[in-house]
């Protein structure tokens, strides 16, 4: 019987080629060889699964907050929980942190603080008859979403989604209401600049400011 792999003429009844050890035509490969092929296929699938996030990252489909690779059509980041405006929206690569080299070989200041100007604290105010000192909470980032979980977990007047968003722009902090009930307010304990369209709440009445 002639081997289809190397052409060697083998005696009748031989199951493998005497020269190259390949299975001869018409002879089914042993069960252990079939299992080996299944294992190889599993390894290929695993490699594809591992490499797929890398390919996504190279295309720029990453979370704008933490840089984690995101699948197309995702509504939130599986790494940091960032909620996107709508499924399938284009992703913007995160801006490099201050003091961190953007390219290999670049020199940075080793004493710089990468979070300088991007950290703020919130100090809870105790209610009447509330016992104990409430610890201040620290937040870091250019854009920080505030919700029930990261401010006051037991307070149901704060939404579990995004109550408000605090952003850092050119060294200044800004707050914007994001709640469905529009229940984020800033106490005017000092002179506050009003912009056309701002809402002023006096007691339980809302007024729209017109310049």
C-alpha atoms as a PDB file:
ATOM      1  CA  UNK A   1       0.000   0.000   0.000  1.00  0.00           C
ATOM      2  CA  UNK A   2       1.524   3.297  -1.138  1.00  0.00           C
ATOM      3  CA  UNK A   3       1.761   6.156   1.352  1.00  0.00           C
ATOM      4  CA  UNK A   4       0.016   9.276   0.073  1.00  0.00           C
ATOM      5  CA  UNK A   5       2.331  11.446   2.155  1.00  0.00           C
ATOM      6  CA  UNK A   6       5.818  10.298   1.095  1.00  0.00           C
ATOM      7  CA  UNK A   7       5.126   7.756  -1.679  1.00  0.00           C
ATOM      8  CA  UNK A   8       6.729   4.816   0.150  1.00  0.00           C
ATOM      9  CA  UNK A   9       5.414   1.370  -0.810  1.00  0.00           C
ATOM     10  CA  UNK A  10       4.268  -0.427   2.347  1.00  0.00           C
ATOM     11  CA  UNK A  11       3.306  -4.104   2.778  1.00  0.00           C
ATOM     12  CA  UNK A  12      -0.358  -5.111   2.697  1.00  0.00           C
ATOM     13  CA  UNK A  13      -2.126  -4.743   6.034  1.00  0.00           C
ATOM     14  CA  UNK A  14       0.154  -1.961   7.297  1.00  0.00           C
ATOM     15  CA  UNK A  15      -1.698   0.812   9.063  1.00  0.00           C
ATOM     16  CA  UNK A  16       1.120   3.387   9.180  1.00  0.00           C
ATOM     17  CA  UNK A  17       3.884   4.191   6.714  1.00  0.00           C
ATOM     18  CA  UNK A  18       7.189   2.487   7.542  1.00  0.00           C
ATOM     19  CA  UNK A  19       9.090   5.547   6.360  1.00  0.00           C
ATOM     20  CA  UNK A  20       7.180   8.641   7.564  1.00  0.00           C
ATOM     21  CA  UNK A  21       4.807   7.008  10.105  1.00  0.00           C
ATOM     22  CA  UNK A  22       1.752   8.725   8.566  1.00  0.00           C
ATOM     23  CA  UNK A  23      -1.603   6.871   8.632  1.00  0.00           C
ATOM     24  CA  UNK A  24      -2.132   5.087   5.338  1.00  0.00           C
ATOM     25  CA  UNK A  25      -5.094   5.947   3.110  1.00  0.00           C
ATOM     26  CA  UNK A  26      -8.356   4.399   4.260  1.00  0.00           C
ATOM     27  CA  UNK A  27      -7.046   3.872   7.805  1.00  0.00           C
ATOM     28  CA  UNK A  28      -8.903   5.889  10.452  1.00  0.00           C
ATOM     29  CA  UNK A  29      -6.639   7.764  12.839  1.00  0.00           C
ATOM     30  CA  UNK A  30      -6.604   6.321  16.396  1.00  0.00           C
ATOM     31  CA  UNK A  31      -8.927   7.864  18.944  1.00  0.00           C
ATOM     32  CA  UNK A  32      -6.067   9.583  20.794  1.00  0.00           C
ATOM     33  CA  UNK A  33      -5.087  11.419  17.593  1.00  0.00           C
ATOM     34  CA  UNK A  34      -8.685  12.619  17.166  1.00  0.00           C
ATOM     35  CA  UNK A  35      -8.651  13.896  20.750  1.00  0.00           C
ATOM     36  CA  UNK A  36      -5.399  15.692  19.994  1.00  0.00           C
ATOM     37  CA  UNK A  37      -7.043  17.491  17.089  1.00  0.00           C
ATOM     38  CA  UNK A  38      -9.915  18.577  19.367  1.00  0.00           C
ATOM     39  CA  UNK A  39      -7.392  19.909  21.871  1.00  0.00           C
ATOM     40  CA  UNK A  40      -5.617  21.857  19.129  1.00  0.00           C
ATOM     41  CA  UNK A  41      -8.928  23.400  18.064  1.00  0.00           C
ATOM     42  CA  UNK A  42      -9.648  24.385  21.691  1.00  0.00           C
ATOM     43  CA  UNK A  43      -6.222  26.022  21.941  1.00  0.00           C
ATOM     44  CA  UNK A  44      -6.875  27.997  18.739  1.00  0.00           C
ATOM     45  CA  UNK A  45     -10.221  29.199  20.102  1.00  0.00           C
ATOM     46  CA  UNK A  46      -8.592  30.244  23.380  1.00  0.00           C
ATOM     47  CA  UNK A  47      -5.873  32.176  21.538  1.00  0.00           C
ATOM     48  CA  UNK A  48      -8.520  34.007  19.490  1.00  0.00           C
ATOM     49  CA  UNK A  49     -10.406  34.928  22.673  1.00  0.00           C
ATOM     50  CA  UNK A  50      -7.220  36.248  24.276  1.00  0.00           C
ATOM     51  CA  UNK A  51      -6.123  38.219  21.223  1.00  0.00           C
ATOM     52  CA  UNK A  52      -9.552  39.681  20.422  1.00  0.00           C
ATOM     53  CA  UNK A  53      -9.419  42.391  23.165  1.00  0.00           C
ATOM     54  CA  UNK A  54      -5.952  43.379  21.930  1.00  0.00           C
ATOM     55  CA  UNK A  55      -7.302  43.823  18.394  1.00  0.00           C
ATOM     56  CA  UNK A  56     -10.179  45.928  19.730  1.00  0.00           C
ATOM     57  CA  UNK A  57      -7.783  48.143  21.657  1.00  0.00           C
ATOM     58  CA  UNK A  58      -5.628  48.684  18.581  1.00  0.00           C
ATOM     59  CA  UNK A  59      -8.738  49.873  16.719  1.00  0.00           C
ATOM     60  CA  UNK A  60      -9.425  52.449  19.426  1.00  0.00           C
ATOM     61  CA  UNK A  61     -12.628  50.862  20.797  1.00  0.00           C
ATOM     62  CA  UNK A  62     -11.822  51.500  24.435  1.00  0.00           C
ATOM     63  CA  UNK A  63     -13.538  52.981  27.468  1.00  0.00           C
ATOM     64  CA  UNK A  64     -12.970  56.762  27.552  1.00  0.00           C
ATOM     65  CA  UNK A  65     -12.589  56.619  31.349  1.00  0.00           C
ATOM     66  CA  UNK A  66     -10.221  53.688  32.045  1.00  0.00           C
ATOM     67  CA  UNK A  67      -9.013  52.566  28.578  1.00  0.00           C
ATOM     68  CA  UNK A  68     -10.389  49.007  28.868  1.00  0.00           C
ATOM     69  CA  UNK A  69     -11.202  47.327  25.500  1.00  0.00           C
ATOM     70  CA  UNK A  70     -14.944  47.499  24.756  1.00  0.00           C
ATOM     71  CA  UNK A  71     -17.026  45.383  22.385  1.00  0.00           C
ATOM     72  CA  UNK A  72     -19.084  47.238  19.772  1.00  0.00           C
ATOM     73  CA  UNK A  73     -22.595  47.999  20.982  1.00  0.00           C
ATOM     74  CA  UNK A  74     -21.732  47.857  24.706  1.00  0.00           C
ATOM     75  CA  UNK A  75     -23.672  50.231  26.955  1.00  0.00           C
ATOM     76  CA  UNK A  76     -21.201  50.217  29.834  1.00  0.00           C
ATOM     77  CA  UNK A  77     -17.563  49.374  30.632  1.00  0.00           C
ATOM     78  CA  UNK A  78     -17.112  45.926  32.284  1.00  0.00           C
ATOM     79  CA  UNK A  79     -13.993  47.200  34.071  1.00  0.00           C
ATOM     80  CA  UNK A  80     -14.940  50.555  35.669  1.00  0.00           C
ATOM     81  CA  UNK A  81     -18.726  50.611  35.139  1.00  0.00           C
ATOM     82  CA  UNK A  82     -18.703  53.776  32.998  1.00  0.00           C
ATOM     83  CA  UNK A  83     -22.114  54.127  31.323  1.00  0.00           C
ATOM     84  CA  UNK A  84     -22.020  55.269  27.690  1.00  0.00           C
ATOM     85  CA  UNK A  85     -24.508  57.737  26.236  1.00  0.00           C
ATOM     86  CA  UNK A  86     -25.994  55.192  23.845  1.00  0.00           C
ATOM     87  CA  UNK A  87     -25.108  51.725  22.459  1.00  0.00           C
ATOM     88  CA  UNK A  88     -22.723  51.776  19.562  1.00  0.00           C
ATOM     89  CA  UNK A  89     -21.572  55.338  20.223  1.00  0.00           C
ATOM     90  CA  UNK A  90     -18.015  56.027  19.065  1.00  0.00           C
ATOM     91  CA  UNK A  91     -15.444  55.695  21.813  1.00  0.00           C
ATOM     92  CA  UNK A  92     -12.816  58.310  22.541  1.00  0.00           C
ATOM     93  CA  UNK A  93      -9.417  57.205  23.743  1.00  0.00           C
ATOM     94  CA  UNK A  94      -8.654  58.584  27.222  1.00  0.00           C
ATOM     95  CA  UNK A  95      -6.329  61.575  27.412  1.00  0.00           C
ATOM     96  CA  UNK A  96      -2.875  60.803  28.844  1.00  0.00           C
ATOM     97  CA  UNK A  97      -2.456  61.542  32.547  1.00  0.00           C
ATOM     98  CA  UNK A  98      -0.323  64.495  33.569  1.00  0.00           C
ATOM     99  CA  UNK A  99       3.285  63.541  34.173  1.00  0.00           C
ATOM    100  CA  UNK A 100       3.030  60.216  32.314  1.00  0.00           C
ATOM    101  CA  UNK A 101       5.087  59.669  29.172  1.00  0.00           C
ATOM    102  CA  UNK A 102       2.940  59.241  26.055  1.00  0.00           C
ATOM    103  CA  UNK A 103       5.718  57.498  24.121  1.00  0.00           C
ATOM    104  CA  UNK A 104       8.469  55.118  25.129  1.00  0.00           C
ATOM    105  CA  UNK A 105      11.718  56.928  25.740  1.00  0.00           C
ATOM    106  CA  UNK A 106      10.077  60.214  26.765  1.00  0.00           C
ATOM    107  CA  UNK A 107      11.246  61.783  30.013  1.00  0.00           C
ATOM    108  CA  UNK A 108       8.759  62.888  32.664  1.00  0.00           C
ATOM    109  CA  UNK A 109       9.043  64.653  35.977  1.00  0.00           C
ATOM    110  CA  UNK A 110       9.290  61.820  38.570  1.00  0.00           C
ATOM    111  CA  UNK A 111       8.043  64.137  41.351  1.00  0.00           C
ATOM    112  CA  UNK A 112       4.865  65.271  39.593  1.00  0.00           C
ATOM    113  CA  UNK A 113       1.500  64.230  40.960  1.00  0.00           C
ATOM    114  CA  UNK A 114      -0.563  62.633  38.133  1.00  0.00           C
ATOM    115  CA  UNK A 115      -3.804  63.446  39.993  1.00  0.00           C
ATOM    116  CA  UNK A 116      -2.940  67.077  40.762  1.00  0.00           C
ATOM    117  CA  UNK A 117      -5.984  69.279  40.225  1.00  0.00           C
ATOM    118  CA  UNK A 118      -8.177  66.220  39.620  1.00  0.00           C
ATOM    119  CA  UNK A 119      -9.035  65.260  43.188  1.00  0.00           C
ATOM    120  CA  UNK A 120     -11.830  66.626  45.372  1.00  0.00           C
ATOM    121  CA  UNK A 121     -13.535  65.655  48.638  1.00  0.00           C
ATOM    122  CA  UNK A 122     -17.135  65.616  49.814  1.00  0.00           C
ATOM    123  CA  UNK A 123     -17.827  66.024  53.552  1.00  0.00           C
ATOM    124  CA  UNK A 124     -21.286  64.727  54.558  1.00  0.00           C
ATOM    125  CA  UNK A 125     -23.245  66.996  56.927  1.00  0.00           C
ATOM    126  CA  UNK A 126     -24.928  65.231  59.840  1.00  0.00           C
ATOM    127  CA  UNK A 127     -28.698  65.480  60.248  1.00  0.00           C
ATOM    128  CA  UNK A 128     -30.222  66.723  63.496  1.00  0.00           C
ATOM    129  CA  UNK A 129     -29.645  64.161  66.277  1.00  0.00           C
ATOM    130  CA  UNK A 130     -27.381  62.075  64.023  1.00  0.00           C
ATOM    131  CA  UNK A 131     -24.563  60.656  66.131  1.00  0.00           C
ATOM    132  CA  UNK A 132     -20.873  60.432  65.248  1.00  0.00           C
ATOM    133  CA  UNK A 133     -18.611  62.154  62.756  1.00  0.00           C
ATOM    134  CA  UNK A 134     -19.211  61.302  59.123  1.00  0.00           C
ATOM    135  CA  UNK A 135     -15.966  60.672  57.183  1.00  0.00           C
ATOM    136  CA  UNK A 136     -15.121  62.734  54.104  1.00  0.00           C
ATOM    137  CA  UNK A 137     -14.958  60.931  50.763  1.00  0.00           C
ATOM    138  CA  UNK A 138     -12.252  61.485  48.148  1.00  0.00           C
ATOM    139  CA  UNK A 139     -12.860  61.315  44.393  1.00  0.00           C
ATOM    140  CA  UNK A 140     -10.326  61.460  41.557  1.00  0.00           C
ATOM    141  CA  UNK A 141     -10.769  62.071  37.824  1.00  0.00           C
ATOM    142  CA  UNK A 142     -11.574  64.641  35.154  1.00  0.00           C
ATOM    143  CA  UNK A 143     -15.194  63.421  35.168  1.00  0.00           C
ATOM    144  CA  UNK A 144     -16.745  61.880  38.283  1.00  0.00           C
ATOM    145  CA  UNK A 145     -20.306  60.559  38.383  1.00  0.00           C
ATOM    146  CA  UNK A 146     -22.018  60.717  41.773  1.00  0.00           C
ATOM    147  CA  UNK A 147     -24.690  58.191  42.712  1.00  0.00           C
ATOM    148  CA  UNK A 148     -26.181  56.528  45.768  1.00  0.00           C
ATOM    149  CA  UNK A 149     -23.469  53.859  45.994  1.00  0.00           C
ATOM    150  CA  UNK A 150     -20.469  56.206  46.117  1.00  0.00           C
ATOM    151  CA  UNK A 151     -22.051  58.932  48.276  1.00  0.00           C
ATOM    152  CA  UNK A 152     -24.657  57.625  50.758  1.00  0.00           C
ATOM    153  CA  UNK A 153     -25.639  53.962  50.076  1.00  0.00           C
ATOM    154  CA  UNK A 154     -28.653  53.959  52.425  1.00  0.00           C
ATOM    155  CA  UNK A 155     -30.176  57.220  51.121  1.00  0.00           C
ATOM    156  CA  UNK A 156     -33.007  56.470  48.667  1.00  0.00           C
ATOM    157  CA  UNK A 157     -33.397  60.137  47.709  1.00  0.00           C
ATOM    158  CA  UNK A 158     -30.169  59.760  45.713  1.00  0.00           C
ATOM    159  CA  UNK A 159     -30.537  57.803  42.479  1.00  0.00           C
ATOM    160  CA  UNK A 160     -28.664  54.530  42.010  1.00  0.00           C
ATOM    161  CA  UNK A 161     -27.787  55.638  38.471  1.00  0.00           C
ATOM    162  CA  UNK A 162     -26.072  59.025  38.087  1.00  0.00           C
ATOM    163  CA  UNK A 163     -27.370  61.806  40.327  1.00  0.00           C
ATOM    164  CA  UNK A 164     -24.841  64.436  39.231  1.00  0.00           C
ATOM    165  CA  UNK A 165     -21.576  64.754  37.346  1.00  0.00           C
ATOM    166  CA  UNK A 166     -18.585  66.780  38.554  1.00  0.00           C
ATOM    167  CA  UNK A 167     -15.978  67.749  35.972  1.00  0.00           C
ATOM    168  CA  UNK A 168     -12.572  69.415  36.110  1.00  0.00           C
ATOM    169  CA  UNK A 169     -11.931  71.970  33.347  1.00  0.00           C
ATOM    170  CA  UNK A 170      -8.923  74.287  33.238  1.00  0.00           C
ATOM    171  CA  UNK A 171      -8.389  74.067  36.980  1.00  0.00           C
ATOM    172  CA  UNK A 172     -12.068  74.725  37.839  1.00  0.00           C
ATOM    173  CA  UNK A 173     -14.755  72.368  39.085  1.00  0.00           C
ATOM    174  CA  UNK A 174     -18.258  72.198  37.615  1.00  0.00           C
ATOM    175  CA  UNK A 175     -21.339  70.247  38.683  1.00  0.00           C
ATOM    176  CA  UNK A 176     -24.253  69.216  36.448  1.00  0.00           C
ATOM    177  CA  UNK A 177     -27.491  67.518  37.462  1.00  0.00           C
ATOM    178  CA  UNK A 178     -28.067  64.154  35.762  1.00  0.00           C
ATOM    179  CA  UNK A 179     -31.011  62.856  37.797  1.00  0.00           C
ATOM    180  CA  UNK A 180     -34.432  62.085  36.329  1.00  0.00           C
ATOM    181  CA  UNK A 181     -36.084  63.978  39.215  1.00  0.00           C
ATOM    182  CA  UNK A 182     -33.805  67.022  38.689  1.00  0.00           C
ATOM    183  CA  UNK A 183     -33.011  67.003  42.393  1.00  0.00           C
ATOM    184  CA  UNK A 184     -29.412  68.230  42.513  1.00  0.00           C
ATOM    185  CA  UNK A 185     -29.006  71.698  44.071  1.00  0.00           C
ATOM    186  CA  UNK A 186     -26.157  73.967  45.139  1.00  0.00           C
ATOM    187  CA  UNK A 187     -26.664  76.139  48.217  1.00  0.00           C
ATOM    188  CA  UNK A 188     -25.980  79.796  47.317  1.00  0.00           C
ATOM    189  CA  UNK A 189     -23.932  80.584  50.396  1.00  0.00           C
ATOM    190  CA  UNK A 190     -21.855  83.070  48.393  1.00  0.00           C
ATOM    191  CA  UNK A 191     -22.213  85.088  45.213  1.00  0.00           C
ATOM    192  CA  UNK A 192     -22.931  82.647  42.427  1.00  0.00           C
ATOM    193  CA  UNK A 193     -22.855  83.605  38.771  1.00  0.00           C
ATOM    194  CA  UNK A 194     -26.198  83.058  37.034  1.00  0.00           C
ATOM    195  CA  UNK A 195     -26.440  82.107  33.369  1.00  0.00           C
ATOM    196  CA  UNK A 196     -29.528  82.506  31.203  1.00  0.00           C
ATOM    197  CA  UNK A 197     -31.706  79.439  31.689  1.00  0.00           C
ATOM    198  CA  UNK A 198     -30.454  78.603  35.213  1.00  0.00           C
ATOM    199  CA  UNK A 199     -33.114  77.282  37.571  1.00  0.00           C
ATOM    200  CA  UNK A 200     -33.523  78.961  40.984  1.00  0.00           C
ATOM    201  CA  UNK A 201     -35.423  77.053  43.678  1.00  0.00           C
ATOM    202  CA  UNK A 202     -37.088  79.099  46.419  1.00  0.00           C
ATOM    203  CA  UNK A 203     -38.775  76.812  48.924  1.00  0.00           C
ATOM    204  CA  UNK A 204     -40.503  74.263  46.722  1.00  0.00           C
ATOM    205  CA  UNK A 205     -40.958  76.590  43.716  1.00  0.00           C
ATOM    206  CA  UNK A 206     -38.646  76.597  40.731  1.00  0.00           C
ATOM    207  CA  UNK A 207     -37.919  79.743  38.721  1.00  0.00           C
ATOM    208  CA  UNK A 208     -36.095  79.988  35.391  1.00  0.00           C
ATOM    209  CA  UNK A 209     -33.572  82.850  35.304  1.00  0.00           C
ATOM    210  CA  UNK A 210     -33.731  85.008  32.142  1.00  0.00           C
ATOM    211  CA  UNK A 211     -30.860  87.395  31.461  1.00  0.00           C
END
